Amino acid sequence: MALWGGRFTHGPADSVFALSRSVHFDWRLAPYDIVSSLAHLYVLEKSGLINKEQSLAIRNGLKSLYNDVEDGKFLPDEQDEDVHSALERGLSQRVGVIGGAIRAGRSRNDQVTTDLKLYLIDHMIDIALGVVELQRSLIGKASEYSDAVAPGFTHMQHAQPVLFGHELAKHCAAFNRDLSRIHDWLKRTSLSPLGSGALSGSSLPLDPVNDGLSIRFRWNC
């Protein structure tokens, strides 16, 4: 299901379609694409661009699609160009042509950027949790060797004696700085680009930031 080419009477050659097809590697973005669509739907309804009845039908369709993607019941087929076209096909199968209303006020460009942000946030949080676990292990070992004396080093030479537990624990301070950098990155990244459009914004009355459309927006919509 192509999301472009409305003015063309014929599709691309098979070789060109194969070259532009990305669903075999961007399918990992499917859960994030559905979450961003749910958030965008919230803004469309609040802006009066979709009525409540339509919004409810699309929302239920998206949630059903999300569950089927997570369970592996819905997968892309050979005609799907990318994750976005595959999911719009799945949504249309559930709610009909009204599913296309979710396109209003957003472009594929800001949709892709949003999905990638969500993907990176989830994986960066996993990294942060791993760093915290490493810190706990270091503190545990530091406590175990709290009385063990070891040589300190400076300029690659032995210096004054130190406790080996302190030598282990000091690395936690460096990891704290890494966690602080991740925290700052999360604040800058957790803003939605949906509605910014492909080139010069949108003429539709969208206000995703003030309407609560942050990247952290989940099922509350």
N, C-alpha and C. Protein backbone atom coordinates (compact mmCIF):
# COMPACT_ATOMS: atom_id res chain seq x y z
N MET A 1 0.85 -1.20 0.00
CA MET A 1 0.00 0.00 0.00
C MET A 1 0.88 1.23 0.00
N ALA A 2 0.97 1.93 -1.15
CA ALA A 2 1.84 3.09 -1.27
C ALA A 2 1.17 4.31 -0.65
N LEU A 3 1.95 5.12 0.07
CA LEU A 3 1.44 6.34 0.68
C LEU A 3 1.82 7.56 -0.15
N TRP A 4 2.18 7.34 -1.39
CA TRP A 4 2.58 8.43 -2.29
C TRP A 4 2.10 8.08 -3.69
N GLY A 5 2.31 9.00 -4.62
CA GLY A 5 2.04 8.70 -6.03
C GLY A 5 0.59 8.84 -6.44
N GLY A 6 -0.17 9.69 -5.75
CA GLY A 6 -1.58 9.85 -6.08
C GLY A 6 -1.84 10.39 -7.47
N ARG A 7 -0.85 11.06 -8.05
CA ARG A 7 -1.03 11.65 -9.39
C ARG A 7 -0.49 10.75 -10.50
N PHE A 8 0.04 9.62 -10.14
CA PHE A 8 0.61 8.72 -11.14
C PHE A 8 -0.43 7.65 -11.54
N THR A 9 -0.40 7.28 -12.81
CA THR A 9 -1.33 6.25 -13.29
C THR A 9 -0.71 4.86 -13.19
N HIS A 10 0.60 4.78 -13.06
CA HIS A 10 1.28 3.49 -12.96
C HIS A 10 2.26 3.52 -11.79
N GLY A 11 2.52 2.36 -11.23
CA GLY A 11 3.49 2.24 -10.17
C GLY A 11 4.90 2.17 -10.71
N PRO A 12 5.89 2.14 -9.85
CA PRO A 12 7.28 2.06 -10.30
C PRO A 12 7.61 0.67 -10.82
N ALA A 13 8.71 0.58 -11.55
CA ALA A 13 9.20 -0.72 -12.00
C ALA A 13 9.56 -1.57 -10.78
N ASP A 14 9.50 -2.88 -10.95
CA ASP A 14 9.78 -3.78 -9.83
C ASP A 14 11.16 -3.52 -9.23
N SER A 15 12.15 -3.22 -10.09
CA SER A 15 13.50 -2.99 -9.60
C SER A 15 13.58 -1.73 -8.75
N VAL A 16 12.84 -0.69 -9.16
CA VAL A 16 12.82 0.57 -8.39
C VAL A 16 12.11 0.36 -7.06
N PHE A 17 10.99 -0.39 -7.09
CA PHE A 17 10.27 -0.66 -5.84
C PHE A 17 11.16 -1.44 -4.87
N ALA A 18 11.89 -2.43 -5.40
CA ALA A 18 12.78 -3.23 -4.54
C ALA A 18 13.87 -2.36 -3.93
N LEU A 19 14.35 -1.37 -4.71
CA LEU A 19 15.41 -0.48 -4.22
C LEU A 19 14.91 0.42 -3.10
N SER A 20 13.66 0.89 -3.22
CA SER A 20 13.11 1.82 -2.22
C SER A 20 12.44 1.11 -1.04
N ARG A 21 12.24 -0.19 -1.13
CA ARG A 21 11.54 -0.94 -0.08
C ARG A 21 12.42 -1.06 1.16
N SER A 22 11.84 -0.73 2.32
CA SER A 22 12.62 -0.75 3.56
C SER A 22 11.96 -1.53 4.68
N VAL A 23 10.79 -2.12 4.42
CA VAL A 23 10.03 -2.74 5.50
C VAL A 23 10.77 -3.92 6.13
N HIS A 24 11.72 -4.51 5.41
CA HIS A 24 12.45 -5.65 5.95
C HIS A 24 13.39 -5.24 7.08
N PHE A 25 13.74 -3.95 7.17
CA PHE A 25 14.56 -3.56 8.31
C PHE A 25 13.92 -2.47 9.18
N ASP A 26 12.92 -1.74 8.68
CA ASP A 26 12.30 -0.73 9.55
C ASP A 26 11.05 -1.26 10.26
N TRP A 27 10.75 -2.55 10.10
CA TRP A 27 9.60 -3.13 10.80
C TRP A 27 9.77 -3.05 12.32
N ARG A 28 11.00 -2.97 12.78
CA ARG A 28 11.25 -2.84 14.22
C ARG A 28 10.64 -1.56 14.80
N LEU A 29 10.32 -0.60 13.93
CA LEU A 29 9.71 0.65 14.37
C LEU A 29 8.19 0.56 14.50
N ALA A 30 7.61 -0.60 14.16
CA ALA A 30 6.15 -0.72 14.12
C ALA A 30 5.46 -0.31 15.43
N PRO A 31 5.87 -0.81 16.60
CA PRO A 31 5.18 -0.41 17.83
C PRO A 31 5.25 1.10 18.07
N TYR A 32 6.40 1.70 17.74
CA TYR A 32 6.57 3.13 17.96
C TYR A 32 5.72 3.94 16.99
N ASP A 33 5.56 3.44 15.78
CA ASP A 33 4.74 4.14 14.79
C ASP A 33 3.29 4.17 15.23
N ILE A 34 2.82 3.08 15.82
CA ILE A 34 1.43 3.03 16.28
C ILE A 34 1.24 3.95 17.48
N VAL A 35 2.20 3.97 18.39
CA VAL A 35 2.11 4.86 19.55
C VAL A 35 2.08 6.33 19.11
N SER A 36 2.93 6.68 18.15
CA SER A 36 2.94 8.06 17.67
C SER A 36 1.64 8.39 16.95
N SER A 37 1.04 7.42 16.27
CA SER A 37 -0.25 7.64 15.61
C SER A 37 -1.35 7.88 16.64
N LEU A 38 -1.31 7.15 17.74
CA LEU A 38 -2.29 7.37 18.80
C LEU A 38 -2.16 8.78 19.37
N ALA A 39 -0.93 9.22 19.57
CA ALA A 39 -0.72 10.56 20.10
C ALA A 39 -1.19 11.61 19.09
N HIS A 40 -0.90 11.40 17.81
CA HIS A 40 -1.32 12.35 16.77
C HIS A 40 -2.84 12.39 16.67
N LEU A 41 -3.47 11.24 16.84
CA LEU A 41 -4.93 11.17 16.81
C LEU A 41 -5.53 12.03 17.91
N TYR A 42 -4.91 12.03 19.08
CA TYR A 42 -5.37 12.85 20.19
C TYR A 42 -5.39 14.33 19.80
N VAL A 43 -4.33 14.78 19.13
CA VAL A 43 -4.24 16.18 18.72
C VAL A 43 -5.27 16.49 17.64
N LEU A 44 -5.46 15.58 16.69
CA LEU A 44 -6.44 15.80 15.63
C LEU A 44 -7.85 15.95 16.20
N GLU A 45 -8.17 15.11 17.19
CA GLU A 45 -9.50 15.20 17.80
C GLU A 45 -9.64 16.48 18.61
N LYS A 46 -8.61 16.82 19.38
CA LYS A 46 -8.69 18.02 20.21
C LYS A 46 -8.76 19.28 19.36
N SER A 47 -8.17 19.23 18.16
CA SER A 47 -8.19 20.38 17.26
C SER A 47 -9.49 20.45 16.46
N GLY A 48 -10.37 19.45 16.59
CA GLY A 48 -11.63 19.44 15.89
C GLY A 48 -11.54 18.97 14.45
N LEU A 49 -10.42 18.37 14.07
CA LEU A 49 -10.25 17.90 12.70
C LEU A 49 -10.85 16.51 12.49
N ILE A 50 -11.03 15.77 13.59
CA ILE A 50 -11.69 14.46 13.55
C ILE A 50 -12.72 14.44 14.68
N ASN A 51 -13.94 13.99 14.38
CA ASN A 51 -14.93 13.96 15.45
C ASN A 51 -14.69 12.77 16.39
N LYS A 52 -15.37 12.77 17.52
CA LYS A 52 -15.13 11.77 18.56
C LYS A 52 -15.44 10.36 18.08
N GLU A 53 -16.50 10.22 17.28
CA GLU A 53 -16.88 8.89 16.80
C GLU A 53 -15.79 8.32 15.88
N GLN A 54 -15.28 9.13 14.98
CA GLN A 54 -14.21 8.69 14.10
C GLN A 54 -12.94 8.39 14.89
N SER A 55 -12.65 9.28 15.85
CA SER A 55 -11.45 9.11 16.66
C SER A 55 -11.49 7.81 17.45
N LEU A 56 -12.66 7.49 18.01
CA LEU A 56 -12.79 6.26 18.78
C LEU A 56 -12.57 5.04 17.90
N ALA A 57 -13.13 5.06 16.68
CA ALA A 57 -12.96 3.93 15.77
C ALA A 57 -11.49 3.75 15.40
N ILE A 58 -10.81 4.85 15.09
CA ILE A 58 -9.39 4.77 14.72
C ILE A 58 -8.55 4.32 15.91
N ARG A 59 -8.87 4.86 17.09
CA ARG A 59 -8.10 4.50 18.29
C ARG A 59 -8.22 3.00 18.58
N ASN A 60 -9.43 2.48 18.52
CA ASN A 60 -9.61 1.05 18.76
C ASN A 60 -8.89 0.22 17.70
N GLY A 61 -8.92 0.70 16.46
CA GLY A 61 -8.21 0.00 15.39
C GLY A 61 -6.72 -0.02 15.61
N LEU A 62 -6.17 1.12 16.05
CA LEU A 62 -4.73 1.21 16.30
C LEU A 62 -4.31 0.31 17.47
N LYS A 63 -5.13 0.27 18.51
CA LYS A 63 -4.80 -0.57 19.66
C LYS A 63 -4.88 -2.05 19.30
N SER A 64 -5.87 -2.41 18.49
CA SER A 64 -5.96 -3.79 18.01
C SER A 64 -4.76 -4.14 17.15
N LEU A 65 -4.37 -3.21 16.29
CA LEU A 65 -3.20 -3.43 15.44
C LEU A 65 -1.94 -3.56 16.26
N TYR A 66 -1.80 -2.74 17.30
CA TYR A 66 -0.63 -2.81 18.18
C TYR A 66 -0.51 -4.20 18.80
N ASN A 67 -1.63 -4.71 19.32
CA ASN A 67 -1.60 -6.03 19.95
C ASN A 67 -1.22 -7.12 18.95
N ASP A 68 -1.74 -7.01 17.72
CA ASP A 68 -1.44 -8.02 16.70
C ASP A 68 0.01 -7.94 16.25
N VAL A 69 0.57 -6.74 16.22
CA VAL A 69 2.00 -6.58 15.89
C VAL A 69 2.85 -7.20 16.99
N GLU A 70 2.51 -6.91 18.23
CA GLU A 70 3.27 -7.45 19.36
C GLU A 70 3.21 -8.98 19.41
N ASP A 71 2.05 -9.54 19.05
CA ASP A 71 1.87 -11.00 19.08
C ASP A 71 2.36 -11.69 17.81
N GLY A 72 2.79 -10.90 16.83
CA GLY A 72 3.25 -11.48 15.56
C GLY A 72 2.12 -11.92 14.65
N LYS A 73 0.88 -11.49 14.95
CA LYS A 73 -0.26 -11.88 14.12
C LYS A 73 -0.38 -11.01 12.87
N PHE A 74 0.17 -9.81 12.94
CA PHE A 74 0.16 -8.93 11.78
C PHE A 74 1.60 -8.68 11.35
N LEU A 75 1.88 -8.97 10.08
CA LEU A 75 3.23 -8.81 9.53
C LEU A 75 3.13 -8.13 8.17
N PRO A 76 4.20 -7.50 7.70
CA PRO A 76 4.17 -6.89 6.37
C PRO A 76 4.12 -7.95 5.28
N ASP A 77 3.58 -7.56 4.12
CA ASP A 77 3.58 -8.48 3.00
C ASP A 77 4.47 -7.92 1.89
N GLU A 78 4.52 -8.60 0.77
CA GLU A 78 5.45 -8.25 -0.30
C GLU A 78 5.09 -6.92 -0.96
N GLN A 79 3.86 -6.47 -0.83
CA GLN A 79 3.44 -5.22 -1.46
C GLN A 79 3.69 -4.00 -0.57
N ASP A 80 4.06 -4.21 0.67
CA ASP A 80 4.29 -3.09 1.59
C ASP A 80 5.68 -2.51 1.35
N GLU A 81 5.72 -1.19 1.16
CA GLU A 81 7.01 -0.54 0.90
C GLU A 81 7.81 -0.36 2.18
N ASP A 82 7.14 0.07 3.24
CA ASP A 82 7.83 0.32 4.50
C ASP A 82 6.87 0.07 5.66
N VAL A 83 7.36 0.31 6.87
CA VAL A 83 6.56 0.04 8.06
C VAL A 83 5.29 0.88 8.07
N HIS A 84 5.36 2.11 7.56
CA HIS A 84 4.21 3.02 7.59
C HIS A 84 3.09 2.53 6.66
N SER A 85 3.46 2.14 5.46
CA SER A 85 2.45 1.66 4.52
C SER A 85 1.84 0.34 5.01
N ALA A 86 2.66 -0.52 5.62
CA ALA A 86 2.14 -1.78 6.14
C ALA A 86 1.12 -1.54 7.25
N LEU A 87 1.44 -0.62 8.14
CA LEU A 87 0.53 -0.36 9.25
C LEU A 87 -0.73 0.36 8.80
N GLU A 88 -0.63 1.23 7.80
CA GLU A 88 -1.85 1.87 7.30
C GLU A 88 -2.75 0.83 6.64
N ARG A 89 -2.14 -0.13 5.97
CA ARG A 89 -2.93 -1.24 5.40
C ARG A 89 -3.66 -1.98 6.52
N GLY A 90 -2.94 -2.29 7.59
CA GLY A 90 -3.55 -3.00 8.71
C GLY A 90 -4.65 -2.20 9.37
N LEU A 91 -4.45 -0.88 9.49
CA LEU A 91 -5.49 -0.05 10.08
C LEU A 91 -6.72 0.02 9.18
N SER A 92 -6.50 0.16 7.87
CA SER A 92 -7.63 0.23 6.93
C SER A 92 -8.43 -1.06 6.92
N GLN A 93 -7.76 -2.19 7.11
CA GLN A 93 -8.46 -3.47 7.18
C GLN A 93 -9.39 -3.53 8.38
N ARG A 94 -9.06 -2.76 9.40
CA ARG A 94 -9.86 -2.78 10.62
C ARG A 94 -10.97 -1.73 10.65
N VAL A 95 -10.70 -0.54 10.12
CA VAL A 95 -11.66 0.55 10.27
C VAL A 95 -12.13 1.12 8.93
N GLY A 96 -11.58 0.65 7.82
CA GLY A 96 -12.00 1.16 6.51
C GLY A 96 -11.28 2.44 6.12
N VAL A 97 -11.87 3.17 5.20
CA VAL A 97 -11.20 4.35 4.63
C VAL A 97 -10.98 5.45 5.66
N ILE A 98 -11.75 5.46 6.73
CA ILE A 98 -11.58 6.49 7.75
C ILE A 98 -10.18 6.43 8.36
N GLY A 99 -9.54 5.27 8.26
CA GLY A 99 -8.18 5.14 8.79
C GLY A 99 -7.21 6.11 8.15
N GLY A 100 -7.47 6.52 6.91
CA GLY A 100 -6.59 7.45 6.23
C GLY A 100 -6.59 8.83 6.84
N ALA A 101 -7.57 9.13 7.69
CA ALA A 101 -7.65 10.46 8.33
C ALA A 101 -6.45 10.73 9.23
N ILE A 102 -5.78 9.66 9.68
CA ILE A 102 -4.65 9.83 10.57
C ILE A 102 -3.49 10.54 9.88
N ARG A 103 -3.52 10.60 8.54
CA ARG A 103 -2.46 11.29 7.80
C ARG A 103 -2.51 12.80 7.96
N ALA A 104 -3.68 13.34 8.30
CA ALA A 104 -3.86 14.79 8.33
C ALA A 104 -2.86 15.45 9.27
N GLY A 105 -2.21 16.50 8.78
CA GLY A 105 -1.35 17.30 9.63
C GLY A 105 0.02 16.74 9.91
N ARG A 106 0.38 15.66 9.25
CA ARG A 106 1.74 15.14 9.45
C ARG A 106 2.26 14.63 8.11
N SER A 107 3.55 14.59 7.98
CA SER A 107 4.18 14.05 6.79
C SER A 107 4.94 12.79 7.16
N ARG A 108 5.38 12.06 6.15
CA ARG A 108 6.20 10.87 6.43
C ARG A 108 7.50 11.29 7.11
N ASN A 109 7.98 12.49 6.78
CA ASN A 109 9.24 12.96 7.35
C ASN A 109 9.16 13.06 8.87
N ASP A 110 8.15 13.79 9.38
CA ASP A 110 8.09 13.93 10.84
C ASP A 110 7.62 12.64 11.51
N GLN A 111 6.91 11.79 10.77
CA GLN A 111 6.52 10.49 11.29
C GLN A 111 7.75 9.61 11.51
N VAL A 112 8.65 9.58 10.54
CA VAL A 112 9.88 8.79 10.67
C VAL A 112 10.72 9.31 11.82
N THR A 113 10.86 10.63 11.91
CA THR A 113 11.66 11.22 12.98
C THR A 113 11.10 10.86 14.35
N THR A 114 9.77 10.91 14.47
CA THR A 114 9.13 10.56 15.74
C THR A 114 9.38 9.10 16.11
N ASP A 115 9.22 8.21 15.14
CA ASP A 115 9.44 6.78 15.40
C ASP A 115 10.88 6.52 15.86
N LEU A 116 11.83 7.16 15.19
CA LEU A 116 13.23 6.96 15.55
C LEU A 116 13.52 7.50 16.94
N LYS A 117 12.90 8.62 17.29
CA LYS A 117 13.09 9.16 18.64
C LYS A 117 12.57 8.17 19.70
N LEU A 118 11.38 7.64 19.46
CA LEU A 118 10.82 6.68 20.41
C LEU A 118 11.70 5.44 20.54
N TYR A 119 12.19 4.97 19.41
CA TYR A 119 13.07 3.79 19.40
C TYR A 119 14.33 4.08 20.20
N LEU A 120 14.95 5.22 19.95
CA LEU A 120 16.19 5.57 20.65
C LEU A 120 15.97 5.78 22.14
N ILE A 121 14.84 6.41 22.49
CA ILE A 121 14.56 6.62 23.90
C ILE A 121 14.44 5.29 24.64
N ASP A 122 13.68 4.36 24.09
CA ASP A 122 13.52 3.06 24.74
C ASP A 122 14.87 2.37 24.92
N HIS A 123 15.69 2.39 23.89
CA HIS A 123 16.97 1.70 23.96
C HIS A 123 17.97 2.44 24.83
N MET A 124 17.90 3.77 24.87
CA MET A 124 18.78 4.51 25.75
C MET A 124 18.42 4.27 27.21
N ILE A 125 17.13 4.14 27.49
CA ILE A 125 16.69 3.82 28.85
C ILE A 125 17.22 2.44 29.25
N ASP A 126 17.20 1.49 28.33
CA ASP A 126 17.77 0.16 28.61
C ASP A 126 19.26 0.28 28.95
N ILE A 127 19.97 1.12 28.20
CA ILE A 127 21.39 1.32 28.47
C ILE A 127 21.58 1.93 29.86
N ALA A 128 20.76 2.94 30.19
CA ALA A 128 20.87 3.58 31.49
C ALA A 128 20.62 2.58 32.62
N LEU A 129 19.62 1.72 32.45
CA LEU A 129 19.34 0.70 33.47
C LEU A 129 20.52 -0.26 33.61
N GLY A 130 21.16 -0.58 32.48
CA GLY A 130 22.34 -1.44 32.53
C GLY A 130 23.48 -0.78 33.27
N VAL A 131 23.65 0.53 33.08
CA VAL A 131 24.69 1.26 33.79
C VAL A 131 24.43 1.24 35.29
N VAL A 132 23.16 1.41 35.68
CA VAL A 132 22.81 1.38 37.11
C VAL A 132 23.13 0.01 37.70
N GLU A 133 22.82 -1.06 36.98
CA GLU A 133 23.14 -2.40 37.47
C GLU A 133 24.65 -2.59 37.62
N LEU A 134 25.41 -2.04 36.70
CA LEU A 134 26.87 -2.11 36.79
C LEU A 134 27.36 -1.37 38.02
N GLN A 135 26.77 -0.21 38.29
CA GLN A 135 27.15 0.54 39.49
C GLN A 135 26.86 -0.26 40.76
N ARG A 136 25.73 -0.93 40.80
CA ARG A 136 25.39 -1.74 41.97
C ARG A 136 26.40 -2.86 42.17
N SER A 137 26.80 -3.46 41.07
CA SER A 137 27.80 -4.53 41.17
C SER A 137 29.12 -3.99 41.68
N LEU A 138 29.52 -2.83 41.20
CA LEU A 138 30.78 -2.22 41.65
C LEU A 138 30.73 -1.88 43.14
N ILE A 139 29.59 -1.33 43.58
CA ILE A 139 29.45 -0.99 45.00
C ILE A 139 29.49 -2.26 45.85
N GLY A 140 28.87 -3.32 45.35
CA GLY A 140 28.89 -4.58 46.08
C GLY A 140 30.30 -5.12 46.24
N LYS A 141 31.08 -5.08 45.16
CA LYS A 141 32.47 -5.53 45.23
C LYS A 141 33.32 -4.59 46.08
N ALA A 142 33.02 -3.30 46.01
CA ALA A 142 33.77 -2.33 46.82
C ALA A 142 33.55 -2.60 48.31
N SER A 143 32.33 -2.94 48.67
CA SER A 143 32.04 -3.26 50.08
C SER A 143 32.76 -4.55 50.49
N GLU A 144 32.82 -5.49 49.55
CA GLU A 144 33.49 -6.77 49.85
C GLU A 144 34.98 -6.58 50.12
N TYR A 145 35.59 -5.61 49.43
CA TYR A 145 37.04 -5.38 49.58
C TYR A 145 37.31 -4.03 50.24
N SER A 146 36.44 -3.65 51.17
CA SER A 146 36.57 -2.33 51.79
C SER A 146 37.84 -2.18 52.63
N ASP A 147 38.41 -3.29 53.11
CA ASP A 147 39.61 -3.21 53.95
C ASP A 147 40.87 -3.65 53.22
N ALA A 148 40.74 -4.01 51.95
CA ALA A 148 41.90 -4.50 51.21
C ALA A 148 42.77 -3.34 50.75
N VAL A 149 44.05 -3.41 51.10
CA VAL A 149 44.99 -2.35 50.72
C VAL A 149 45.57 -2.66 49.35
N ALA A 150 45.67 -1.63 48.51
CA ALA A 150 46.23 -1.80 47.16
C ALA A 150 47.07 -0.57 46.83
N PRO A 151 48.04 -0.73 45.93
CA PRO A 151 48.85 0.43 45.56
C PRO A 151 48.08 1.38 44.64
N GLY A 152 48.17 2.67 44.92
CA GLY A 152 47.63 3.65 44.00
C GLY A 152 48.66 3.96 42.93
N PHE A 153 48.20 4.46 41.81
CA PHE A 153 49.11 4.74 40.70
C PHE A 153 48.97 6.19 40.25
N THR A 154 50.07 6.78 39.90
CA THR A 154 50.08 8.08 39.25
C THR A 154 51.26 8.12 38.29
N HIS A 155 51.03 8.61 37.09
CA HIS A 155 52.05 8.64 36.05
C HIS A 155 52.64 7.25 35.82
N MET A 156 51.76 6.23 35.89
CA MET A 156 52.13 4.84 35.63
C MET A 156 53.10 4.29 36.67
N GLN A 157 53.15 4.92 37.83
CA GLN A 157 54.04 4.44 38.88
C GLN A 157 53.27 4.28 40.18
N HIS A 158 53.82 3.43 41.07
CA HIS A 158 53.20 3.26 42.38
C HIS A 158 53.23 4.57 43.14
N ALA A 159 52.09 4.86 43.82
CA ALA A 159 52.02 6.04 44.67
C ALA A 159 51.59 5.60 46.06
N GLN A 160 50.81 6.44 46.77
CA GLN A 160 50.44 6.06 48.13
C GLN A 160 49.46 4.89 48.10
N PRO A 161 49.41 4.10 49.14
CA PRO A 161 48.47 2.98 49.21
C PRO A 161 47.03 3.49 49.33
N VAL A 162 46.11 2.74 48.75
CA VAL A 162 44.68 3.06 48.80
C VAL A 162 43.92 1.80 49.15
N LEU A 163 42.65 1.96 49.43
CA LEU A 163 41.79 0.80 49.64
C LEU A 163 41.24 0.35 48.29
N PHE A 164 41.31 -0.96 48.03
CA PHE A 164 40.85 -1.47 46.74
C PHE A 164 39.36 -1.21 46.55
N GLY A 165 38.61 -1.20 47.67
CA GLY A 165 37.18 -0.90 47.59
C GLY A 165 36.95 0.50 47.05
N HIS A 166 37.78 1.46 47.50
CA HIS A 166 37.66 2.83 46.98
C HIS A 166 38.00 2.88 45.49
N GLU A 167 38.99 2.09 45.11
CA GLU A 167 39.41 2.06 43.71
C GLU A 167 38.27 1.58 42.81
N LEU A 168 37.49 0.62 43.30
CA LEU A 168 36.34 0.15 42.53
C LEU A 168 35.20 1.17 42.55
N ALA A 169 34.93 1.72 43.73
CA ALA A 169 33.78 2.61 43.88
C ALA A 169 33.93 3.90 43.09
N LYS A 170 35.16 4.33 42.85
CA LYS A 170 35.35 5.62 42.18
C LYS A 170 34.76 5.62 40.77
N HIS A 171 34.69 4.43 40.15
CA HIS A 171 34.16 4.38 38.78
C HIS A 171 32.67 4.71 38.74
N CYS A 172 31.98 4.54 39.88
CA CYS A 172 30.56 4.88 39.91
C CYS A 172 30.34 6.36 39.67
N ALA A 173 31.30 7.19 40.10
CA ALA A 173 31.17 8.63 39.87
C ALA A 173 31.21 8.94 38.38
N ALA A 174 32.09 8.26 37.66
CA ALA A 174 32.17 8.46 36.21
C ALA A 174 30.87 8.01 35.54
N PHE A 175 30.32 6.89 35.99
CA PHE A 175 29.07 6.41 35.41
C PHE A 175 27.91 7.35 35.75
N ASN A 176 27.97 8.00 36.91
CA ASN A 176 26.94 9.00 37.25
C ASN A 176 26.94 10.14 36.24
N ARG A 177 28.12 10.52 35.79
CA ARG A 177 28.19 11.58 34.79
C ARG A 177 27.57 11.12 33.47
N ASP A 178 27.78 9.83 33.14
CA ASP A 178 27.15 9.29 31.93
C ASP A 178 25.62 9.30 32.06
N LEU A 179 25.12 8.92 33.23
CA LEU A 179 23.67 8.93 33.45
C LEU A 179 23.11 10.35 33.38
N SER A 180 23.89 11.31 33.85
CA SER A 180 23.46 12.70 33.78
C SER A 180 23.36 13.16 32.33
N ARG A 181 24.31 12.73 31.50
CA ARG A 181 24.26 13.08 30.08
C ARG A 181 23.03 12.45 29.40
N ILE A 182 22.73 11.19 29.77
CA ILE A 182 21.55 10.53 29.21
C ILE A 182 20.28 11.27 29.63
N HIS A 183 20.24 11.70 30.89
CA HIS A 183 19.07 12.43 31.38
C HIS A 183 18.88 13.73 30.61
N ASP A 184 19.95 14.47 30.37
CA ASP A 184 19.85 15.71 29.60
C ASP A 184 19.40 15.42 28.17
N TRP A 185 19.92 14.36 27.58
CA TRP A 185 19.55 13.98 26.22
C TRP A 185 18.06 13.63 26.14
N LEU A 186 17.56 12.94 27.16
CA LEU A 186 16.15 12.56 27.17
C LEU A 186 15.23 13.78 27.18
N LYS A 187 15.62 14.81 27.95
CA LYS A 187 14.81 16.02 28.00
C LYS A 187 14.74 16.70 26.63
N ARG A 188 15.87 16.73 25.93
CA ARG A 188 15.89 17.38 24.62
C ARG A 188 15.19 16.54 23.56
N THR A 189 15.23 15.22 23.73
CA THR A 189 14.69 14.32 22.72
C THR A 189 13.19 14.12 22.88
N SER A 190 12.67 14.30 24.09
CA SER A 190 11.27 13.99 24.38
C SER A 190 10.33 15.12 23.95
N LEU A 191 10.52 15.61 22.76
CA LEU A 191 9.59 16.57 22.15
C LEU A 191 9.20 16.04 20.79
N SER A 192 7.92 16.12 20.49
CA SER A 192 7.42 15.51 19.27
C SER A 192 7.56 16.44 18.06
N PRO A 193 8.07 15.92 16.94
CA PRO A 193 8.10 16.70 15.70
C PRO A 193 6.85 16.52 14.85
N LEU A 194 5.87 15.73 15.33
CA LEU A 194 4.66 15.51 14.55
C LEU A 194 3.94 16.83 14.28
N GLY A 195 3.55 17.02 13.04
CA GLY A 195 2.87 18.24 12.65
C GLY A 195 3.78 19.30 12.07
N SER A 196 5.10 19.03 12.11
CA SER A 196 6.03 20.02 11.56
C SER A 196 6.02 20.01 10.04
N GLY A 197 5.58 18.91 9.43
CA GLY A 197 5.42 18.86 7.98
C GLY A 197 6.71 18.55 7.26
N ALA A 198 6.58 18.31 5.96
CA ALA A 198 7.73 17.91 5.15
C ALA A 198 8.62 19.08 4.79
N LEU A 199 8.04 20.29 4.71
CA LEU A 199 8.83 21.42 4.23
C LEU A 199 8.66 22.65 5.10
N SER A 200 7.45 23.17 5.18
CA SER A 200 7.27 24.47 5.84
C SER A 200 6.10 24.46 6.82
N GLY A 201 5.93 23.35 7.51
CA GLY A 201 4.87 23.26 8.50
C GLY A 201 3.53 22.90 7.90
N SER A 202 2.49 23.11 8.68
CA SER A 202 1.13 22.73 8.26
C SER A 202 0.19 23.90 8.50
N SER A 203 -0.80 24.02 7.62
CA SER A 203 -1.82 25.07 7.79
C SER A 203 -2.92 24.65 8.75
N LEU A 204 -2.91 23.39 9.19
CA LEU A 204 -3.94 22.90 10.10
C LEU A 204 -3.67 23.41 11.52
N PRO A 205 -4.70 23.59 12.32
CA PRO A 205 -4.54 24.14 13.68
C PRO A 205 -4.02 23.11 14.67
N LEU A 206 -2.77 22.74 14.51
CA LEU A 206 -2.16 21.74 15.39
C LEU A 206 -1.22 22.41 16.37
N ASP A 207 -1.20 21.91 17.59
CA ASP A 207 -0.28 22.42 18.60
C ASP A 207 0.18 21.25 19.44
N PRO A 208 1.02 20.37 18.87
CA PRO A 208 1.34 19.12 19.55
C PRO A 208 2.01 19.28 20.89
N VAL A 209 2.87 20.29 21.06
CA VAL A 209 3.58 20.44 22.33
C VAL A 209 2.62 20.88 23.43
N ASN A 210 1.84 21.93 23.16
CA ASN A 210 0.93 22.43 24.18
C ASN A 210 -0.29 21.54 24.38
N ASP A 211 -0.55 20.68 23.43
CA ASP A 211 -1.64 19.73 23.59
C ASP A 211 -1.19 18.44 24.29
N GLY A 212 0.02 18.44 24.81
CA GLY A 212 0.49 17.30 25.58
C GLY A 212 1.10 16.21 24.74
N LEU A 213 1.40 16.51 23.47
CA LEU A 213 1.95 15.47 22.60
C LEU A 213 3.47 15.44 22.73
N SER A 214 3.95 14.88 23.80
CA SER A 214 5.38 14.63 23.94
C SER A 214 5.66 13.21 23.51
N ILE A 215 6.92 12.92 23.28
CA ILE A 215 7.30 11.58 22.87
C ILE A 215 6.92 10.55 23.93
N ARG A 216 6.87 10.97 25.19
CA ARG A 216 6.55 10.03 26.27
C ARG A 216 5.06 9.71 26.34
N PHE A 217 4.26 10.33 25.47
CA PHE A 217 2.83 10.08 25.40
C PHE A 217 2.59 8.62 25.06
N ARG A 218 1.77 7.91 25.85
CA ARG A 218 1.54 6.50 25.59
C ARG A 218 0.05 6.22 25.47
N TRP A 219 -0.44 5.26 26.18
CA TRP A 219 -1.81 4.78 25.99
C TRP A 219 -2.85 5.70 26.59
N ASN A 220 -2.44 6.77 27.29
CA ASN A 220 -3.42 7.67 27.89
C ASN A 220 -4.32 8.35 26.87
N CYS A 221 -3.85 8.35 25.59
CA CYS A 221 -4.68 8.97 24.56
C CYS A 221 -5.81 8.05 24.17
